[in-house]
Amino acid sequence: MKESRSSLPDYLSIPAADLGKGTSVKVRILGDMMSVAVDMAESLKAEIVAANREGRGATFIIPVGPVDQYPILAEGINKERISCANVVFIGMDEYLTEEDEWLPLEHPLSFRGFLNRKFYDLLDPALAPPQEQQIFPDPRNLGAMPELIARRGGVDVCYGGIGMVGHIAFNEPIRIGAGTASSPQQNAGTAKSGDKAVPAPSMCVEEFAALPTRALDLTPETRTINAVTVGGEIGIIPQRAVTVGMKEILGARRLRLYCNRTWQSAVVRRVLHGPVTAECPASLMRLHADACVTMAEYVGEPPEIKLR
């Protein structure tokens, strides 16, 4: 990665028309935030219909973030009478309590509760997937996720977003040499932030790509930007989460990421044109055979680097 004399990475100045050039990732630039939500809903709906026509149920990994697509998808499913009886929806991550249990469904930050309110509960019960097909990674049974995916014959599509630190789901970046919550020990789910810090060894891309479903500490950056989206109080953001792994994400037949936040204009450029590294998890999408990132028009524009 080259840097200009102002010490800013060159990728920050890449124009929208050049995003993705020289990579295998397809880049789509739409209009406003709602256009991104509608597109994601239409993509999910089309995948469900295609699988139904083949006489099977689709299997998806889905995010809570972006979020606006779910009421739109529910409305389309109900209006067009699309059965989800055989569809498996795998929520990609969830916050955990200090005891490494899921946040209660009624907690305002529960991803499981959000999907219930904004998607599953909006579906006609005659069309909705059974509750046992509304899946989240379970911190008490992490091995259940790869077993489920194997039984389903793999994941058709993994949908997701890109975090401030370049994460997909809650696969946080590895920062070499730091005995912190983003060290390999923490990211692999083998330690908590309260454990004694030790120097972190390096983790190659192949090792990072093989990380499975696990519980882990969230980075301070992730907790900070997530606090911004829920009112600005970082103290209410949990420090732990459970997430599907990079192994499950990269193992999906199709990878579809969506970006609708103004601050993503910088990180999407790092993902597409910075180094492919465990320090930027979403950069590994460039190793996937069928990856696409769809963004709002303002995300496609180069970030304006200045004090405000």
Protein backbone atom coordinates (compact mmCIF):
# COMPACT_ATOMS: atom_id res chain seq x y z
CA MET A 1 0.00 0.00 0.00
CA LYS A 2 1.46 3.31 -1.07
CA GLU A 3 1.04 6.48 0.92
CA SER A 4 1.16 10.03 -0.33
CA ARG A 5 3.32 12.77 1.13
CA SER A 6 0.43 13.62 3.45
CA SER A 7 0.70 10.07 4.89
CA LEU A 8 -2.81 9.14 3.76
CA PRO A 9 -3.24 5.75 2.10
CA ASP A 10 -3.59 6.07 -1.67
CA TYR A 11 -6.73 3.92 -1.67
CA LEU A 12 -8.68 6.70 0.08
CA SER A 13 -8.60 8.78 -3.11
CA ILE A 14 -9.83 6.04 -5.46
CA PRO A 15 -12.88 7.39 -7.34
CA ALA A 16 -16.18 5.55 -7.26
CA ALA A 17 -15.87 4.42 -10.88
CA ASP A 18 -12.61 2.60 -10.09
CA LEU A 19 -13.72 0.73 -6.97
CA GLY A 20 -13.04 -2.97 -7.33
CA LYS A 21 -10.91 -2.62 -10.45
CA GLY A 22 -8.07 -5.12 -10.42
CA THR A 23 -9.92 -7.38 -7.99
CA SER A 24 -12.36 -10.26 -8.42
CA VAL A 25 -15.04 -8.46 -6.40
CA LYS A 26 -18.04 -7.04 -8.24
CA VAL A 27 -18.93 -3.52 -7.09
CA ARG A 28 -22.44 -2.07 -7.42
CA ILE A 29 -23.24 1.54 -6.54
CA LEU A 30 -26.89 2.43 -6.03
CA GLY A 31 -28.62 5.57 -4.78
CA ASP A 32 -29.73 6.35 -1.24
CA MET A 33 -29.93 4.19 1.88
CA MET A 34 -33.40 2.91 1.04
CA SER A 35 -32.29 1.75 -2.41
CA VAL A 36 -29.67 -0.43 -0.73
CA ALA A 37 -32.32 -1.92 1.59
CA VAL A 38 -34.70 -2.63 -1.28
CA ASP A 39 -31.94 -4.26 -3.31
CA MET A 40 -30.92 -6.53 -0.44
CA ALA A 41 -34.54 -7.52 0.17
CA GLU A 42 -35.04 -8.28 -3.51
CA SER A 43 -31.86 -10.36 -3.60
CA LEU A 44 -32.97 -12.46 -0.63
CA LYS A 45 -36.44 -12.90 -2.09
CA ALA A 46 -35.07 -13.99 -5.46
CA GLU A 47 -32.78 -16.54 -3.81
CA ILE A 48 -35.70 -18.01 -1.84
CA VAL A 49 -37.84 -18.28 -4.97
CA ALA A 50 -35.01 -19.85 -7.01
CA ALA A 51 -34.34 -22.51 -4.36
CA ASN A 52 -38.06 -23.26 -4.00
CA ARG A 53 -38.29 -23.83 -7.75
CA GLU A 54 -35.43 -26.32 -7.47
CA GLY A 55 -37.40 -28.20 -4.84
CA ARG A 56 -35.17 -27.33 -1.91
CA GLY A 57 -34.90 -24.74 0.83
CA ALA A 58 -32.31 -21.99 0.67
CA THR A 59 -29.76 -21.53 3.46
CA PHE A 60 -28.61 -18.03 4.30
CA ILE A 61 -26.28 -16.29 6.73
CA ILE A 62 -27.85 -12.90 7.44
CA PRO A 63 -26.80 -9.77 9.38
CA VAL A 64 -28.38 -7.34 11.78
CA GLY A 65 -26.61 -4.41 10.16
CA PRO A 66 -27.73 -3.44 7.58
CA VAL A 67 -31.25 -3.71 9.02
CA ASP A 68 -33.77 -1.83 6.87
CA GLN A 69 -34.22 -4.71 4.41
CA TYR A 70 -36.19 -6.99 6.71
CA PRO A 71 -39.61 -5.29 6.83
CA ILE A 72 -39.36 -4.85 3.05
CA LEU A 73 -38.55 -8.54 2.62
CA ALA A 74 -41.40 -9.59 4.91
CA GLU A 75 -43.85 -7.45 2.95
CA GLY A 76 -42.70 -8.95 -0.35
CA ILE A 77 -42.91 -12.52 0.94
CA ASN A 78 -46.44 -11.96 2.24
CA LYS A 79 -47.64 -10.16 -0.89
CA GLU A 80 -46.24 -12.73 -3.31
CA ARG A 81 -47.10 -15.71 -1.06
CA ILE A 82 -43.55 -17.07 -1.02
CA SER A 83 -43.11 -20.05 1.28
CA CYS A 84 -40.14 -20.00 3.65
CA ALA A 85 -41.09 -23.35 5.16
CA ASN A 86 -37.82 -24.95 4.09
CA VAL A 87 -35.56 -21.90 4.37
CA VAL A 88 -32.89 -21.69 7.08
CA PHE A 89 -31.88 -18.20 8.20
CA ILE A 90 -28.65 -18.08 10.20
CA GLY A 91 -28.18 -14.83 12.07
CA MET A 92 -24.46 -14.22 11.85
CA ASP A 93 -23.80 -12.91 15.35
CA GLU A 94 -25.23 -11.86 18.69
CA TYR A 95 -24.11 -9.89 21.73
CA LEU A 96 -23.33 -11.83 24.91
CA THR A 97 -23.73 -11.12 28.60
CA GLU A 98 -20.78 -11.20 31.01
CA GLU A 99 -21.64 -14.87 31.55
CA ASP A 100 -21.30 -15.56 27.79
CA GLU A 101 -25.02 -16.08 27.36
CA TRP A 102 -27.13 -14.49 24.63
CA LEU A 103 -28.60 -11.13 25.54
CA PRO A 104 -32.26 -11.69 26.50
CA LEU A 105 -34.67 -11.39 23.59
CA GLU A 106 -36.33 -8.39 25.21
CA HIS A 107 -33.04 -6.47 25.48
CA PRO A 108 -33.10 -3.51 23.03
CA LEU A 109 -29.71 -4.53 21.61
CA SER A 110 -30.53 -8.22 21.06
CA PHE A 111 -30.05 -9.14 17.42
CA ARG A 112 -32.35 -12.13 17.92
CA GLY A 113 -35.06 -9.87 19.29
CA PHE A 114 -34.59 -7.44 16.42
CA LEU A 115 -35.06 -10.13 13.78
CA ASN A 116 -38.17 -11.32 15.56
CA ARG A 117 -39.71 -7.85 15.64
CA LYS A 118 -38.66 -6.65 12.20
CA PHE A 119 -38.85 -9.85 10.17
CA TYR A 120 -40.14 -13.13 11.57
CA ASP A 121 -43.12 -11.63 13.44
CA LEU A 122 -44.12 -9.70 10.32
CA LEU A 123 -44.46 -12.83 8.20
CA ASP A 124 -47.74 -14.60 7.63
CA PRO A 125 -47.38 -17.65 9.90
CA ALA A 126 -48.35 -19.86 6.97
CA LEU A 127 -45.24 -18.63 5.09
CA ALA A 128 -42.72 -18.23 7.90
CA PRO A 129 -39.82 -20.59 8.55
CA PRO A 130 -40.30 -22.81 11.61
CA GLN A 131 -38.64 -21.47 14.74
CA GLU A 132 -36.00 -24.22 14.60
CA GLN A 133 -34.90 -22.77 11.24
CA GLN A 134 -34.37 -19.30 12.72
CA ILE A 135 -30.80 -19.90 13.86
CA PHE A 136 -28.12 -17.98 15.73
CA PRO A 137 -24.70 -19.27 16.80
CA ASP A 138 -25.04 -20.70 20.30
CA PRO A 139 -22.20 -19.90 22.72
CA ARG A 140 -23.09 -23.09 24.62
CA ASN A 141 -22.81 -25.30 21.52
CA LEU A 142 -20.43 -23.72 19.02
CA GLY A 143 -20.03 -26.98 17.11
CA ALA A 144 -23.70 -26.98 16.15
CA MET A 145 -23.12 -24.37 13.44
CA PRO A 146 -20.77 -26.33 11.15
CA GLU A 147 -22.91 -29.43 11.70
CA LEU A 148 -26.05 -27.58 10.60
CA ILE A 149 -24.35 -26.12 7.54
CA ALA A 150 -23.05 -29.55 6.56
CA ARG A 151 -26.53 -31.07 6.86
CA ARG A 152 -27.91 -28.31 4.65
CA GLY A 153 -25.31 -28.94 1.97
CA GLY A 154 -23.62 -25.59 2.56
CA VAL A 155 -24.73 -21.96 2.66
CA ASP A 156 -26.21 -20.53 -0.53
CA VAL A 157 -25.50 -16.88 0.25
CA CYS A 158 -23.82 -15.05 3.10
CA TYR A 159 -25.14 -11.52 3.37
CA GLY A 160 -23.44 -8.96 5.58
CA GLY A 161 -22.01 -5.52 6.10
CA ILE A 162 -18.54 -4.17 6.78
CA GLY A 163 -17.58 -2.85 10.21
CA MET A 164 -15.46 0.17 11.04
CA VAL A 165 -12.41 -2.04 11.60
CA GLY A 166 -13.15 -4.10 8.50
CA HIS A 167 -14.91 -6.92 10.28
CA ILE A 168 -17.55 -9.23 8.80
CA ALA A 169 -20.05 -10.42 11.40
CA PHE A 170 -18.01 -10.05 14.60
CA ASN A 171 -14.82 -11.48 13.15
CA GLU A 172 -12.61 -8.80 14.61
CA PRO A 173 -9.19 -7.92 13.14
CA ILE A 174 -5.94 -9.41 14.37
CA ARG A 175 -3.48 -6.75 15.44
CA ILE A 176 -0.04 -8.19 15.49
CA GLY A 177 2.03 -7.81 18.64
CA ALA A 178 -0.80 -6.59 20.87
CA GLY A 179 -2.02 -8.64 23.80
CA THR A 180 -5.47 -7.06 23.53
CA ALA A 181 -9.03 -8.00 22.74
CA SER A 182 -8.08 -8.14 19.07
CA SER A 183 -5.13 -10.46 19.50
CA PRO A 184 -5.26 -13.98 18.01
CA GLN A 185 -5.94 -15.45 21.46
CA GLN A 186 -9.01 -13.27 21.87
CA ASN A 187 -10.19 -13.50 18.26
CA ALA A 188 -9.95 -17.27 18.28
CA GLY A 189 -12.26 -17.28 21.28
CA THR A 190 -9.76 -18.74 23.76
CA ALA A 191 -9.53 -15.83 26.18
CA LYS A 192 -11.38 -12.83 27.53
CA SER A 193 -10.17 -9.25 27.88
CA GLY A 194 -9.74 -9.72 31.62
CA ASP A 195 -7.13 -12.42 31.10
CA LYS A 196 -3.45 -11.57 31.36
CA ALA A 197 -2.17 -9.94 28.18
CA VAL A 198 0.54 -11.74 26.29
CA PRO A 199 2.35 -10.76 23.09
CA ALA A 200 0.31 -11.95 20.11
CA PRO A 201 1.94 -14.08 17.44
CA SER A 202 1.18 -13.38 13.82
CA MET A 203 -1.77 -15.02 12.12
CA CYS A 204 -1.56 -15.62 8.39
CA VAL A 205 -4.51 -15.11 6.06
CA GLU A 206 -5.05 -18.86 5.73
CA GLU A 207 -5.26 -19.30 9.51
CA PHE A 208 -7.64 -16.38 9.86
CA ALA A 209 -9.83 -17.68 7.02
CA ALA A 210 -10.16 -20.98 8.89
CA LEU A 211 -11.44 -19.46 12.15
CA PRO A 212 -14.76 -21.13 13.05
CA THR A 213 -17.86 -20.05 14.92
CA ARG A 214 -16.76 -18.77 18.34
CA ALA A 215 -17.27 -16.34 21.21
CA LEU A 216 -14.82 -13.45 21.46
CA ASP A 217 -14.13 -9.96 22.78
CA LEU A 218 -15.16 -6.96 20.71
CA THR A 219 -12.60 -4.30 19.88
CA PRO A 220 -12.98 -0.84 21.44
CA GLU A 221 -13.48 0.59 17.94
CA THR A 222 -16.38 -1.75 17.20
CA ARG A 223 -18.05 -0.97 20.51
CA THR A 224 -17.57 2.77 19.90
CA ILE A 225 -19.10 2.88 16.41
CA ASN A 226 -21.94 0.59 17.51
CA ALA A 227 -22.59 2.97 20.40
CA VAL A 228 -22.91 5.83 17.91
CA THR A 229 -25.72 4.01 16.10
CA VAL A 230 -27.71 3.35 19.29
CA GLY A 231 -27.55 6.73 21.01
CA GLY A 232 -23.92 7.30 21.90
CA GLU A 233 -23.61 5.47 25.22
CA ILE A 234 -20.65 3.06 24.93
CA GLY A 235 -21.29 1.67 28.38
CA ILE A 236 -24.39 -0.19 27.17
CA ILE A 237 -22.54 -2.00 24.38
CA PRO A 238 -21.59 -5.53 25.48
CA GLN A 239 -17.93 -6.46 25.46
CA ARG A 240 -18.47 -10.00 24.22
CA ALA A 241 -20.23 -11.56 21.25
CA VAL A 242 -20.69 -14.87 19.46
CA THR A 243 -20.15 -14.97 15.71
CA VAL A 244 -20.11 -17.30 12.77
CA GLY A 245 -16.52 -17.70 11.67
CA MET A 246 -14.63 -16.63 8.61
CA LYS A 247 -14.71 -20.32 7.70
CA GLU A 248 -18.50 -20.32 7.47
CA ILE A 249 -18.62 -16.94 5.70
CA LEU A 250 -16.01 -17.73 3.07
CA GLY A 251 -17.50 -21.21 2.61
CA ALA A 252 -20.79 -19.78 1.33
CA ARG A 253 -21.35 -20.21 -2.38
CA ARG A 254 -22.03 -16.49 -2.79
CA LEU A 255 -20.89 -13.57 -0.65
CA ARG A 256 -22.94 -10.38 -0.78
CA LEU A 257 -21.93 -7.39 1.35
CA TYR A 258 -23.95 -4.17 1.63
CA CYS A 259 -22.73 -0.76 2.80
CA ASN A 260 -25.09 2.08 3.71
CA ARG A 261 -23.24 4.15 6.34
CA THR A 262 -21.39 7.35 5.48
CA TRP A 263 -18.29 6.24 7.42
CA GLN A 264 -17.98 3.13 5.26
CA SER A 265 -16.54 5.09 2.32
CA ALA A 266 -13.07 4.73 3.82
CA VAL A 267 -13.22 1.13 5.03
CA VAL A 268 -14.72 -0.14 1.78
CA ARG A 269 -11.68 1.23 -0.02
CA ARG A 270 -9.35 -0.47 2.42
CA VAL A 271 -11.26 -3.73 1.94
CA LEU A 272 -11.10 -3.54 -1.86
CA HIS A 273 -7.69 -1.98 -2.40
CA GLY A 274 -5.62 -2.32 0.76
CA PRO A 275 -3.68 -5.45 1.69
CA VAL A 276 -5.52 -8.76 2.07
CA THR A 277 -4.82 -9.38 5.72
CA ALA A 278 -6.20 -10.59 9.04
CA GLU A 279 -5.92 -6.95 10.15
CA CYS A 280 -8.85 -6.18 7.82
CA PRO A 281 -11.13 -9.24 7.85
CA ALA A 282 -13.43 -8.16 5.02
CA SER A 283 -10.42 -7.90 2.70
CA LEU A 284 -10.59 -11.69 2.52
CA MET A 285 -13.69 -11.34 0.34
CA ARG A 286 -11.19 -10.80 -2.47
CA LEU A 287 -10.27 -14.48 -2.13
CA HIS A 288 -13.88 -15.59 -2.69
CA ALA A 289 -14.94 -16.88 -6.11
CA ASP A 290 -18.30 -15.04 -6.16
CA ALA A 291 -18.19 -11.88 -4.05
CA CYS A 292 -20.06 -8.62 -4.54
CA VAL A 293 -20.27 -5.42 -2.51
CA THR A 294 -23.25 -3.10 -3.01
CA MET A 295 -23.16 0.40 -1.61
CA ALA A 296 -25.07 3.65 -1.46
CA GLU A 297 -23.91 6.44 -3.74
CA TYR A 298 -22.42 8.44 -0.86
CA VAL A 299 -20.39 5.41 0.27
CA GLY A 300 -18.94 5.18 -3.22
CA GLU A 301 -17.60 8.73 -3.06
CA PRO A 302 -14.06 9.14 -1.67
CA PRO A 303 -14.06 10.21 1.98
CA GLU A 304 -13.37 13.88 2.65
CA ILE A 305 -10.47 13.84 5.08
CA LYS A 306 -10.59 17.01 7.17
CA LEU A 307 -11.29 18.29 10.66
CA ARG A 308 -14.90 19.16 11.36
